[in-house]
Amino acid sequence: MAWIVLVVAGLCEMMGVYMISKYNEVKSMKNLALLIFVFTLSFAGLAYAMKTLPMGTAYAIWTGIGAAGGALLGMLLFNESKDWRRVVCIVLVLGAAIFLKILS
């Protein structure tokens, strides 16, 4: 269960980064509320997962999902560079998270 919560928390982290961008585009109470909501879910999920999982592993996976997801969202939604080297780096981050899970 902790692994599922950790992955969902990482996805919420990714959505939080997306909401920061949306809030910077349109400063509305709705965007601010969504930003706070998804980051709250993200931190709560991380805290829950860390009750069972090693802190270093949980944090690395949570951060990796958020960082890789944020980079992918930037490429897909915000016209950021889709250079193959960026894609390779994202794959390396996700691969490291997967191997941390395997080793745990």
N, C-alpha and C. Protein backbone atom coordinates (compact mmCIF):
# COMPACT_ATOMS: atom_id res chain seq x y z
N MET A 1 0.82 -1.20 0.00
CA MET A 1 0.00 0.00 0.00
C MET A 1 0.87 1.27 0.00
N ALA A 2 1.98 1.24 0.72
CA ALA A 2 2.83 2.42 0.81
C ALA A 2 3.40 2.79 -0.56
N TRP A 3 3.71 1.79 -1.37
CA TRP A 3 4.25 2.07 -2.71
C TRP A 3 3.21 2.75 -3.59
N ILE A 4 1.97 2.29 -3.51
CA ILE A 4 0.90 2.91 -4.30
C ILE A 4 0.70 4.36 -3.87
N VAL A 5 0.67 4.58 -2.56
CA VAL A 5 0.50 5.94 -2.03
C VAL A 5 1.67 6.81 -2.47
N LEU A 6 2.88 6.26 -2.45
CA LEU A 6 4.05 7.02 -2.86
C LEU A 6 3.98 7.43 -4.33
N VAL A 7 3.54 6.53 -5.19
CA VAL A 7 3.42 6.86 -6.62
C VAL A 7 2.35 7.93 -6.82
N VAL A 8 1.22 7.80 -6.13
CA VAL A 8 0.17 8.82 -6.23
C VAL A 8 0.68 10.16 -5.71
N ALA A 9 1.45 10.13 -4.61
CA ALA A 9 2.03 11.36 -4.07
C ALA A 9 2.98 11.99 -5.09
N GLY A 10 3.75 11.17 -5.79
CA GLY A 10 4.64 11.69 -6.83
C GLY A 10 3.86 12.31 -7.98
N LEU A 11 2.76 11.68 -8.35
CA LEU A 11 1.91 12.26 -9.40
C LEU A 11 1.29 13.57 -8.94
N CYS A 12 0.93 13.66 -7.65
CA CYS A 12 0.41 14.93 -7.11
C CYS A 12 1.50 15.99 -7.12
N GLU A 13 2.74 15.59 -6.85
CA GLU A 13 3.87 16.52 -6.93
C GLU A 13 3.98 17.07 -8.36
N MET A 14 3.85 16.19 -9.33
CA MET A 14 3.90 16.59 -10.73
C MET A 14 2.76 17.57 -11.04
N MET A 15 1.58 17.29 -10.55
CA MET A 15 0.44 18.18 -10.78
C MET A 15 0.63 19.52 -10.06
N GLY A 16 1.31 19.47 -8.91
CA GLY A 16 1.60 20.71 -8.20
C GLY A 16 2.50 21.63 -9.03
N VAL A 17 3.50 21.05 -9.66
CA VAL A 17 4.38 21.83 -10.53
C VAL A 17 3.58 22.42 -11.69
N TYR A 18 2.71 21.60 -12.26
CA TYR A 18 1.84 22.08 -13.34
C TYR A 18 0.95 23.25 -12.84
N MET A 19 0.42 23.11 -11.62
CA MET A 19 -0.46 24.16 -11.09
C MET A 19 0.31 25.44 -10.80
N ILE A 20 1.59 25.34 -10.44
CA ILE A 20 2.39 26.55 -10.27
C ILE A 20 2.42 27.32 -11.60
N SER A 21 2.65 26.59 -12.67
CA SER A 21 2.69 27.23 -13.99
C SER A 21 1.33 27.84 -14.34
N LYS A 22 0.26 27.09 -14.08
CA LYS A 22 -1.08 27.62 -14.37
C LYS A 22 -1.38 28.85 -13.52
N TYR A 23 -0.98 28.82 -12.25
CA TYR A 23 -1.22 29.96 -11.37
C TYR A 23 -0.43 31.19 -11.83
N ASN A 24 0.78 30.96 -12.35
CA ASN A 24 1.56 32.09 -12.87
C ASN A 24 0.93 32.68 -14.13
N GLU A 25 0.20 31.85 -14.90
CA GLU A 25 -0.50 32.35 -16.08
C GLU A 25 -1.75 33.13 -15.68
N VAL A 26 -2.56 32.53 -14.80
CA VAL A 26 -3.84 33.13 -14.38
C VAL A 26 -3.91 33.07 -12.86
N LYS A 27 -3.73 34.20 -12.22
CA LYS A 27 -3.75 34.25 -10.75
C LYS A 27 -5.19 34.29 -10.26
N SER A 28 -5.78 33.10 -10.13
CA SER A 28 -7.15 33.01 -9.65
C SER A 28 -7.16 32.20 -8.36
N MET A 29 -8.22 32.36 -7.59
CA MET A 29 -8.37 31.60 -6.34
C MET A 29 -8.50 30.11 -6.64
N LYS A 30 -9.13 29.76 -7.74
CA LYS A 30 -9.29 28.36 -8.11
C LYS A 30 -7.93 27.71 -8.34
N ASN A 31 -7.07 28.38 -9.13
CA ASN A 31 -5.74 27.83 -9.39
C ASN A 31 -4.91 27.75 -8.12
N LEU A 32 -5.02 28.76 -7.26
CA LEU A 32 -4.29 28.74 -6.00
C LEU A 32 -4.77 27.60 -5.10
N ALA A 33 -6.09 27.43 -5.03
CA ALA A 33 -6.65 26.36 -4.20
C ALA A 33 -6.22 24.99 -4.72
N LEU A 34 -6.24 24.80 -6.03
CA LEU A 34 -5.79 23.53 -6.60
C LEU A 34 -4.31 23.29 -6.35
N LEU A 35 -3.51 24.33 -6.47
CA LEU A 35 -2.08 24.23 -6.20
C LEU A 35 -1.85 23.76 -4.76
N ILE A 36 -2.49 24.42 -3.81
CA ILE A 36 -2.34 24.05 -2.40
C ILE A 36 -2.87 22.64 -2.15
N PHE A 37 -3.99 22.29 -2.75
CA PHE A 37 -4.60 20.98 -2.56
C PHE A 37 -3.68 19.85 -3.03
N VAL A 38 -3.15 19.96 -4.26
CA VAL A 38 -2.34 18.86 -4.77
C VAL A 38 -1.00 18.76 -4.04
N PHE A 39 -0.42 19.88 -3.63
CA PHE A 39 0.82 19.79 -2.85
C PHE A 39 0.55 19.21 -1.46
N THR A 40 -0.60 19.54 -0.88
CA THR A 40 -0.96 18.96 0.42
C THR A 40 -1.11 17.45 0.30
N LEU A 41 -1.81 17.00 -0.74
CA LEU A 41 -1.93 15.56 -0.98
C LEU A 41 -0.56 14.92 -1.18
N SER A 42 0.29 15.60 -1.93
CA SER A 42 1.61 15.08 -2.22
C SER A 42 2.43 14.88 -0.95
N PHE A 43 2.49 15.91 -0.11
CA PHE A 43 3.26 15.81 1.13
C PHE A 43 2.65 14.81 2.10
N ALA A 44 1.33 14.77 2.17
CA ALA A 44 0.67 13.80 3.05
C ALA A 44 0.95 12.38 2.59
N GLY A 45 0.91 12.15 1.30
CA GLY A 45 1.21 10.82 0.76
C GLY A 45 2.65 10.42 1.02
N LEU A 46 3.57 11.36 0.85
CA LEU A 46 4.97 11.08 1.13
C LEU A 46 5.16 10.74 2.61
N ALA A 47 4.54 11.51 3.48
CA ALA A 47 4.66 11.26 4.92
C ALA A 47 4.11 9.88 5.27
N TYR A 48 2.99 9.51 4.68
CA TYR A 48 2.40 8.19 4.93
C TYR A 48 3.34 7.08 4.45
N ALA A 49 3.87 7.23 3.25
CA ALA A 49 4.75 6.21 2.69
C ALA A 49 6.02 6.05 3.52
N MET A 50 6.50 7.15 4.08
CA MET A 50 7.74 7.10 4.85
C MET A 50 7.57 6.42 6.21
N LYS A 51 6.34 6.15 6.60
CA LYS A 51 6.14 5.37 7.83
C LYS A 51 6.58 3.93 7.63
N THR A 52 6.56 3.46 6.38
CA THR A 52 6.89 2.07 6.07
C THR A 52 8.19 1.97 5.27
N LEU A 53 8.36 2.85 4.31
CA LEU A 53 9.51 2.77 3.40
C LEU A 53 10.70 3.56 3.94
N PRO A 54 11.91 3.16 3.55
CA PRO A 54 13.09 3.95 3.95
C PRO A 54 12.99 5.38 3.42
N MET A 55 13.40 6.32 4.25
CA MET A 55 13.28 7.73 3.91
C MET A 55 13.99 8.06 2.60
N GLY A 56 15.22 7.61 2.43
CA GLY A 56 15.97 7.93 1.22
C GLY A 56 15.32 7.40 -0.04
N THR A 57 14.84 6.17 0.03
CA THR A 57 14.17 5.57 -1.13
C THR A 57 12.87 6.30 -1.45
N ALA A 58 12.06 6.52 -0.42
CA ALA A 58 10.76 7.19 -0.63
C ALA A 58 10.95 8.58 -1.21
N TYR A 59 11.87 9.34 -0.64
CA TYR A 59 12.07 10.71 -1.11
C TYR A 59 12.63 10.72 -2.54
N ALA A 60 13.57 9.83 -2.84
CA ALA A 60 14.15 9.79 -4.18
C ALA A 60 13.09 9.44 -5.23
N ILE A 61 12.23 8.49 -4.93
CA ILE A 61 11.20 8.10 -5.89
C ILE A 61 10.17 9.22 -6.04
N TRP A 62 9.75 9.81 -4.95
CA TRP A 62 8.77 10.91 -4.97
C TRP A 62 9.32 12.08 -5.79
N THR A 63 10.58 12.43 -5.53
CA THR A 63 11.21 13.53 -6.27
C THR A 63 11.38 13.18 -7.74
N GLY A 64 11.79 11.94 -8.01
CA GLY A 64 11.99 11.51 -9.39
C GLY A 64 10.72 11.57 -10.21
N ILE A 65 9.62 11.10 -9.63
CA ILE A 65 8.34 11.16 -10.33
C ILE A 65 7.96 12.62 -10.60
N GLY A 66 8.12 13.46 -9.59
CA GLY A 66 7.78 14.88 -9.76
C GLY A 66 8.66 15.58 -10.79
N ALA A 67 9.96 15.31 -10.73
CA ALA A 67 10.89 15.97 -11.66
C ALA A 67 10.69 15.47 -13.09
N ALA A 68 10.64 14.16 -13.26
CA ALA A 68 10.45 13.62 -14.60
C ALA A 68 9.08 14.00 -15.15
N GLY A 69 8.08 13.93 -14.31
CA GLY A 69 6.73 14.30 -14.74
C GLY A 69 6.64 15.76 -15.10
N GLY A 70 7.29 16.62 -14.32
CA GLY A 70 7.29 18.05 -14.63
C GLY A 70 7.97 18.33 -15.96
N ALA A 71 9.08 17.63 -16.21
CA ALA A 71 9.78 17.81 -17.49
C ALA A 71 8.92 17.32 -18.66
N LEU A 72 8.25 16.18 -18.47
CA LEU A 72 7.36 15.67 -19.53
C LEU A 72 6.19 16.61 -19.79
N LEU A 73 5.60 17.12 -18.72
CA LEU A 73 4.50 18.08 -18.89
C LEU A 73 4.98 19.33 -19.63
N GLY A 74 6.19 19.78 -19.30
CA GLY A 74 6.75 20.94 -20.00
C GLY A 74 6.88 20.69 -21.48
N MET A 75 7.33 19.50 -21.84
CA MET A 75 7.48 19.16 -23.26
C MET A 75 6.13 19.03 -23.95
N LEU A 76 5.17 18.39 -23.27
CA LEU A 76 3.88 18.12 -23.90
C LEU A 76 2.95 19.33 -23.92
N LEU A 77 2.97 20.13 -22.85
CA LEU A 77 1.98 21.20 -22.72
C LEU A 77 2.53 22.61 -22.91
N PHE A 78 3.85 22.77 -22.72
CA PHE A 78 4.40 24.12 -22.73
C PHE A 78 5.48 24.31 -23.79
N ASN A 79 5.50 23.44 -24.78
CA ASN A 79 6.40 23.58 -25.93
C ASN A 79 7.88 23.67 -25.56
N GLU A 80 8.27 22.99 -24.48
CA GLU A 80 9.68 22.96 -24.13
C GLU A 80 10.41 22.00 -25.07
N SER A 81 11.71 22.13 -25.12
CA SER A 81 12.53 21.32 -26.01
C SER A 81 12.28 19.82 -25.81
N LYS A 82 12.17 19.12 -26.93
CA LYS A 82 11.98 17.66 -26.91
C LYS A 82 13.25 16.97 -27.41
N ASP A 83 14.38 17.59 -27.19
CA ASP A 83 15.67 17.05 -27.60
C ASP A 83 15.86 15.65 -27.02
N TRP A 84 16.45 14.76 -27.79
CA TRP A 84 16.61 13.36 -27.38
C TRP A 84 17.42 13.24 -26.10
N ARG A 85 18.33 14.17 -25.85
CA ARG A 85 19.15 14.11 -24.63
C ARG A 85 18.30 14.37 -23.39
N ARG A 86 17.32 15.26 -23.51
CA ARG A 86 16.40 15.49 -22.39
C ARG A 86 15.59 14.24 -22.11
N VAL A 87 15.13 13.60 -23.17
CA VAL A 87 14.33 12.37 -23.01
C VAL A 87 15.18 11.28 -22.35
N VAL A 88 16.42 11.15 -22.76
CA VAL A 88 17.31 10.15 -22.15
C VAL A 88 17.49 10.44 -20.66
N CYS A 89 17.66 11.69 -20.30
CA CYS A 89 17.80 12.04 -18.89
C CYS A 89 16.54 11.71 -18.09
N ILE A 90 15.38 11.97 -18.66
CA ILE A 90 14.13 11.62 -17.98
C ILE A 90 14.03 10.11 -17.80
N VAL A 91 14.40 9.36 -18.82
CA VAL A 91 14.38 7.89 -18.72
C VAL A 91 15.35 7.43 -17.63
N LEU A 92 16.51 8.08 -17.51
CA LEU A 92 17.46 7.73 -16.46
C LEU A 92 16.88 7.99 -15.07
N VAL A 93 16.20 9.11 -14.90
CA VAL A 93 15.58 9.42 -13.61
C VAL A 93 14.53 8.37 -13.26
N LEU A 94 13.67 8.06 -14.22
CA LEU A 94 12.62 7.06 -13.96
C LEU A 94 13.23 5.68 -13.75
N GLY A 95 14.27 5.36 -14.50
CA GLY A 95 14.94 4.08 -14.32
C GLY A 95 15.56 3.96 -12.94
N ALA A 96 16.17 5.04 -12.46
CA ALA A 96 16.74 5.03 -11.11
C ALA A 96 15.66 4.80 -10.06
N ALA A 97 14.50 5.43 -10.23
CA ALA A 97 13.40 5.23 -9.29
C ALA A 97 12.92 3.77 -9.30
N ILE A 98 12.83 3.20 -10.48
CA ILE A 98 12.40 1.80 -10.59
C ILE A 98 13.41 0.88 -9.92
N PHE A 99 14.70 1.11 -10.15
CA PHE A 99 15.72 0.26 -9.53
C PHE A 99 15.76 0.43 -8.03
N LEU A 100 15.50 1.64 -7.51
CA LEU A 100 15.41 1.81 -6.07
C LEU A 100 14.27 0.98 -5.49
N LYS A 101 13.16 0.91 -6.21
CA LYS A 101 12.03 0.09 -5.77
C LYS A 101 12.41 -1.38 -5.77
N ILE A 102 13.09 -1.83 -6.82
CA ILE A 102 13.50 -3.22 -6.93
C ILE A 102 14.46 -3.60 -5.80
N LEU A 103 15.38 -2.69 -5.47
CA LEU A 103 16.37 -2.97 -4.43
C LEU A 103 15.82 -2.89 -3.02
N SER A 104 14.67 -2.25 -2.85
CA SER A 104 14.12 -2.07 -1.49
C SER A 104 13.44 -3.32 -0.99
